[in-house]
């Protein structure tokens, strides 16, 4: 494959219910296509990354719900 890979790093910040600001890093890779076959692969990879990011958001929501229900030990 002759396409070049571009990688973008994002730092996302979010505020918890307690007012604490947390952050997490997100990396997205893009492959620039040089043929239609590579273009199809690029769309597949982009869709896979979007799906993975969506699943991460779902898991974070579930984690927030679990943490709000479970008592904090300490």
N, C-alpha and C. Protein backbone atom coordinates (compact mmCIF):
# COMPACT_ATOMS: atom_id res chain seq x y z
N UNK A 1 0.85 -1.18 0.00
CA UNK A 1 0.00 0.00 0.00
C UNK A 1 0.89 1.23 0.00
N UNK A 2 0.66 2.13 -0.93
CA UNK A 2 1.50 3.31 -1.08
C UNK A 2 0.96 4.53 -0.35
N UNK A 3 -0.21 4.43 0.23
CA UNK A 3 -0.78 5.58 0.92
C UNK A 3 0.02 5.94 2.16
N UNK A 4 -0.08 7.18 2.56
CA UNK A 4 0.63 7.64 3.76
C UNK A 4 -0.34 7.65 4.93
N UNK A 5 0.18 7.32 6.10
CA UNK A 5 -0.64 7.31 7.30
C UNK A 5 -0.46 8.63 8.03
N UNK A 6 -1.57 9.25 8.35
CA UNK A 6 -1.55 10.47 9.15
C UNK A 6 -2.19 10.14 10.49
N UNK A 7 -1.59 10.63 11.55
CA UNK A 7 -2.11 10.35 12.88
C UNK A 7 -2.41 11.67 13.57
N UNK A 8 -3.57 11.74 14.19
CA UNK A 8 -3.98 12.92 14.92
C UNK A 8 -4.20 12.55 16.38
N UNK A 9 -3.60 13.30 17.27
CA UNK A 9 -3.77 13.08 18.71
C UNK A 9 -4.69 14.16 19.26
N UNK A 10 -5.67 13.75 20.01
CA UNK A 10 -6.59 14.68 20.65
C UNK A 10 -6.54 14.46 22.15
N UNK A 11 -6.59 15.52 22.91
CA UNK A 11 -6.75 15.41 24.35
C UNK A 11 -8.13 15.95 24.67
N UNK A 12 -8.97 15.09 25.16
CA UNK A 12 -10.34 15.47 25.50
C UNK A 12 -10.43 15.72 26.99
N UNK A 13 -11.13 16.77 27.37
CA UNK A 13 -11.35 17.06 28.78
C UNK A 13 -12.84 16.98 29.05
N UNK A 14 -13.18 16.47 30.21
CA UNK A 14 -14.58 16.42 30.61
C UNK A 14 -14.68 16.64 32.10
N UNK A 15 -15.84 17.09 32.52
CA UNK A 15 -16.07 17.41 33.93
C UNK A 15 -16.94 16.33 34.54
N UNK A 16 -16.53 15.81 35.69
CA UNK A 16 -17.32 14.80 36.38
C UNK A 16 -18.42 15.49 37.18
N UNK A 17 -19.32 14.69 37.73
CA UNK A 17 -20.40 15.26 38.54
C UNK A 17 -19.86 15.99 39.76
N UNK A 18 -18.69 15.54 40.26
CA UNK A 18 -18.08 16.16 41.43
C UNK A 18 -17.40 17.48 41.09
N UNK A 19 -17.34 17.83 39.82
CA UNK A 19 -16.69 19.06 39.40
C UNK A 19 -15.23 18.87 39.05
N UNK A 20 -14.75 17.64 39.16
CA UNK A 20 -13.35 17.34 38.85
C UNK A 20 -13.19 17.29 37.33
N UNK A 21 -12.12 17.87 36.83
CA UNK A 21 -11.86 17.85 35.39
C UNK A 21 -10.88 16.73 35.10
N UNK A 22 -11.29 15.83 34.22
CA UNK A 22 -10.44 14.71 33.82
C UNK A 22 -10.19 14.82 32.33
N UNK A 23 -9.14 14.14 31.88
CA UNK A 23 -8.85 14.16 30.46
C UNK A 23 -8.40 12.79 30.01
N UNK A 24 -8.58 12.54 28.73
CA UNK A 24 -8.09 11.31 28.14
C UNK A 24 -7.61 11.62 26.74
N UNK A 25 -6.67 10.82 26.27
CA UNK A 25 -6.10 11.02 24.95
C UNK A 25 -6.78 10.10 23.95
N UNK A 26 -6.94 10.62 22.76
CA UNK A 26 -7.57 9.86 21.69
C UNK A 26 -6.67 10.00 20.46
N UNK A 27 -6.40 8.89 19.80
CA UNK A 27 -5.55 8.89 18.62
C UNK A 27 -6.38 8.40 17.44
N UNK A 28 -6.32 9.15 16.36
CA UNK A 28 -7.00 8.72 15.15
C UNK A 28 -5.98 8.64 14.03
N UNK A 29 -6.02 7.56 13.28
CA UNK A 29 -5.11 7.37 12.16
C UNK A 29 -5.91 7.41 10.86
N UNK A 30 -5.36 8.07 9.89
CA UNK A 30 -5.98 8.15 8.57
C UNK A 30 -4.95 7.70 7.54
N UNK A 31 -5.40 6.97 6.56
CA UNK A 31 -4.51 6.56 5.48
C UNK A 31 -4.95 7.30 4.23
N UNK A 32 -4.03 8.06 3.65
CA UNK A 32 -4.36 8.76 2.41
C UNK A 32 -4.27 7.74 1.28
N UNK A 33 -5.29 7.71 0.46
CA UNK A 33 -5.39 6.67 -0.56
C UNK A 33 -4.73 7.11 -1.87
N UNK A 34 -4.20 6.12 -2.58
CA UNK A 34 -3.66 6.38 -3.91
C UNK A 34 -4.34 5.52 -4.96
N UNK A 35 -5.32 4.72 -4.56
CA UNK A 35 -6.10 3.94 -5.52
C UNK A 35 -7.48 3.70 -4.93
N UNK A 36 -8.40 3.22 -5.76
CA UNK A 36 -9.76 3.00 -5.26
C UNK A 36 -9.79 1.88 -4.22
N UNK A 37 -8.92 0.88 -4.38
CA UNK A 37 -8.85 -0.21 -3.41
C UNK A 37 -8.39 0.34 -2.06
N UNK A 38 -7.40 1.21 -2.09
CA UNK A 38 -6.92 1.83 -0.86
C UNK A 38 -7.96 2.78 -0.30
N UNK A 39 -8.73 3.42 -1.17
CA UNK A 39 -9.79 4.32 -0.72
C UNK A 39 -10.85 3.53 0.05
N UNK A 40 -11.20 2.34 -0.47
CA UNK A 40 -12.15 1.48 0.25
C UNK A 40 -11.59 1.08 1.61
N UNK A 41 -10.31 0.76 1.64
CA UNK A 41 -9.67 0.39 2.90
C UNK A 41 -9.68 1.57 3.87
N UNK A 42 -9.44 2.77 3.34
CA UNK A 42 -9.45 3.96 4.19
C UNK A 42 -10.83 4.16 4.81
N UNK A 43 -11.89 3.99 4.03
CA UNK A 43 -13.24 4.13 4.57
C UNK A 43 -13.53 3.05 5.61
N UNK A 44 -13.05 1.83 5.36
CA UNK A 44 -13.25 0.75 6.32
C UNK A 44 -12.54 1.07 7.63
N UNK A 45 -11.30 1.54 7.55
CA UNK A 45 -10.54 1.87 8.76
C UNK A 45 -11.20 3.02 9.50
N UNK A 46 -11.63 4.05 8.78
CA UNK A 46 -12.28 5.20 9.41
C UNK A 46 -13.57 4.76 10.11
N UNK A 47 -14.36 3.92 9.45
CA UNK A 47 -15.59 3.42 10.07
C UNK A 47 -15.29 2.58 11.31
N UNK A 48 -14.22 1.78 11.24
CA UNK A 48 -13.83 0.95 12.38
C UNK A 48 -13.41 1.83 13.55
N UNK A 49 -12.66 2.88 13.27
CA UNK A 49 -12.22 3.80 14.33
C UNK A 49 -13.43 4.50 14.94
N UNK A 50 -14.37 4.94 14.10
CA UNK A 50 -15.57 5.61 14.62
C UNK A 50 -16.38 4.65 15.49
N UNK A 51 -16.50 3.40 15.05
CA UNK A 51 -17.23 2.41 15.84
C UNK A 51 -16.53 2.17 17.17
N UNK A 52 -15.21 2.06 17.15
CA UNK A 52 -14.46 1.84 18.39
C UNK A 52 -14.63 3.03 19.33
N UNK A 53 -14.57 4.24 18.80
CA UNK A 53 -14.76 5.43 19.64
C UNK A 53 -16.16 5.47 20.23
N UNK A 54 -17.16 5.05 19.45
CA UNK A 54 -18.53 5.00 19.95
C UNK A 54 -18.64 3.99 21.10
N UNK A 55 -17.99 2.83 20.93
CA UNK A 55 -18.01 1.81 21.98
C UNK A 55 -17.32 2.33 23.24
N UNK A 56 -16.22 3.08 23.08
CA UNK A 56 -15.53 3.65 24.24
C UNK A 56 -16.45 4.61 24.98
N UNK A 57 -17.18 5.44 24.22
CA UNK A 57 -18.12 6.38 24.86
C UNK A 57 -19.21 5.62 25.61
N UNK A 58 -19.73 4.53 25.01
CA UNK A 58 -20.74 3.72 25.69
C UNK A 58 -20.19 3.13 26.98
N UNK A 59 -18.96 2.61 26.92
CA UNK A 59 -18.36 2.03 28.12
C UNK A 59 -18.12 3.08 29.19
N UNK A 60 -17.75 4.29 28.80
CA UNK A 60 -17.56 5.37 29.77
C UNK A 60 -18.88 5.73 30.44
N UNK A 61 -19.98 5.75 29.64
CA UNK A 61 -21.30 6.02 30.23
C UNK A 61 -21.68 4.92 31.22
N UNK A 62 -21.45 3.68 30.83
CA UNK A 62 -21.76 2.56 31.73
C UNK A 62 -20.91 2.66 32.99
N UNK A 63 -19.63 3.00 32.83
CA UNK A 63 -18.74 3.13 33.98
C UNK A 63 -19.22 4.23 34.92
N UNK A 64 -19.69 5.35 34.35
CA UNK A 64 -20.22 6.43 35.19
C UNK A 64 -21.44 5.97 35.98
N UNK A 65 -22.32 5.21 35.32
CA UNK A 65 -23.52 4.70 36.00
C UNK A 65 -23.12 3.76 37.12
N UNK A 66 -22.20 2.86 36.84
CA UNK A 66 -21.75 1.91 37.86
C UNK A 66 -21.13 2.65 39.03
N UNK A 67 -20.27 3.63 38.75
CA UNK A 67 -19.61 4.38 39.82
C UNK A 67 -20.59 5.22 40.62
N UNK A 68 -21.68 5.66 40.00
CA UNK A 68 -22.65 6.45 40.75
C UNK A 68 -23.51 5.56 41.65
N UNK A 69 -23.62 4.27 41.33
CA UNK A 69 -24.44 3.35 42.11
C UNK A 69 -23.62 2.69 43.22
N UNK A 70 -22.39 2.31 42.91
CA UNK A 70 -21.57 1.61 43.90
C UNK A 70 -21.02 2.59 44.93
N UNK A 71 -20.97 2.16 46.20
CA UNK A 71 -20.39 3.03 47.22
C UNK A 71 -18.87 3.13 47.04
N UNK A 72 -18.33 4.28 47.36
CA UNK A 72 -16.89 4.49 47.25
C UNK A 72 -16.24 3.97 48.52
N UNK A 73 -15.31 3.05 48.38
CA UNK A 73 -14.62 2.52 49.57
C UNK A 73 -13.36 3.32 49.82
N UNK A 74 -13.02 3.50 51.04
CA UNK A 74 -11.80 4.25 51.31
C UNK A 74 -11.80 4.75 52.65
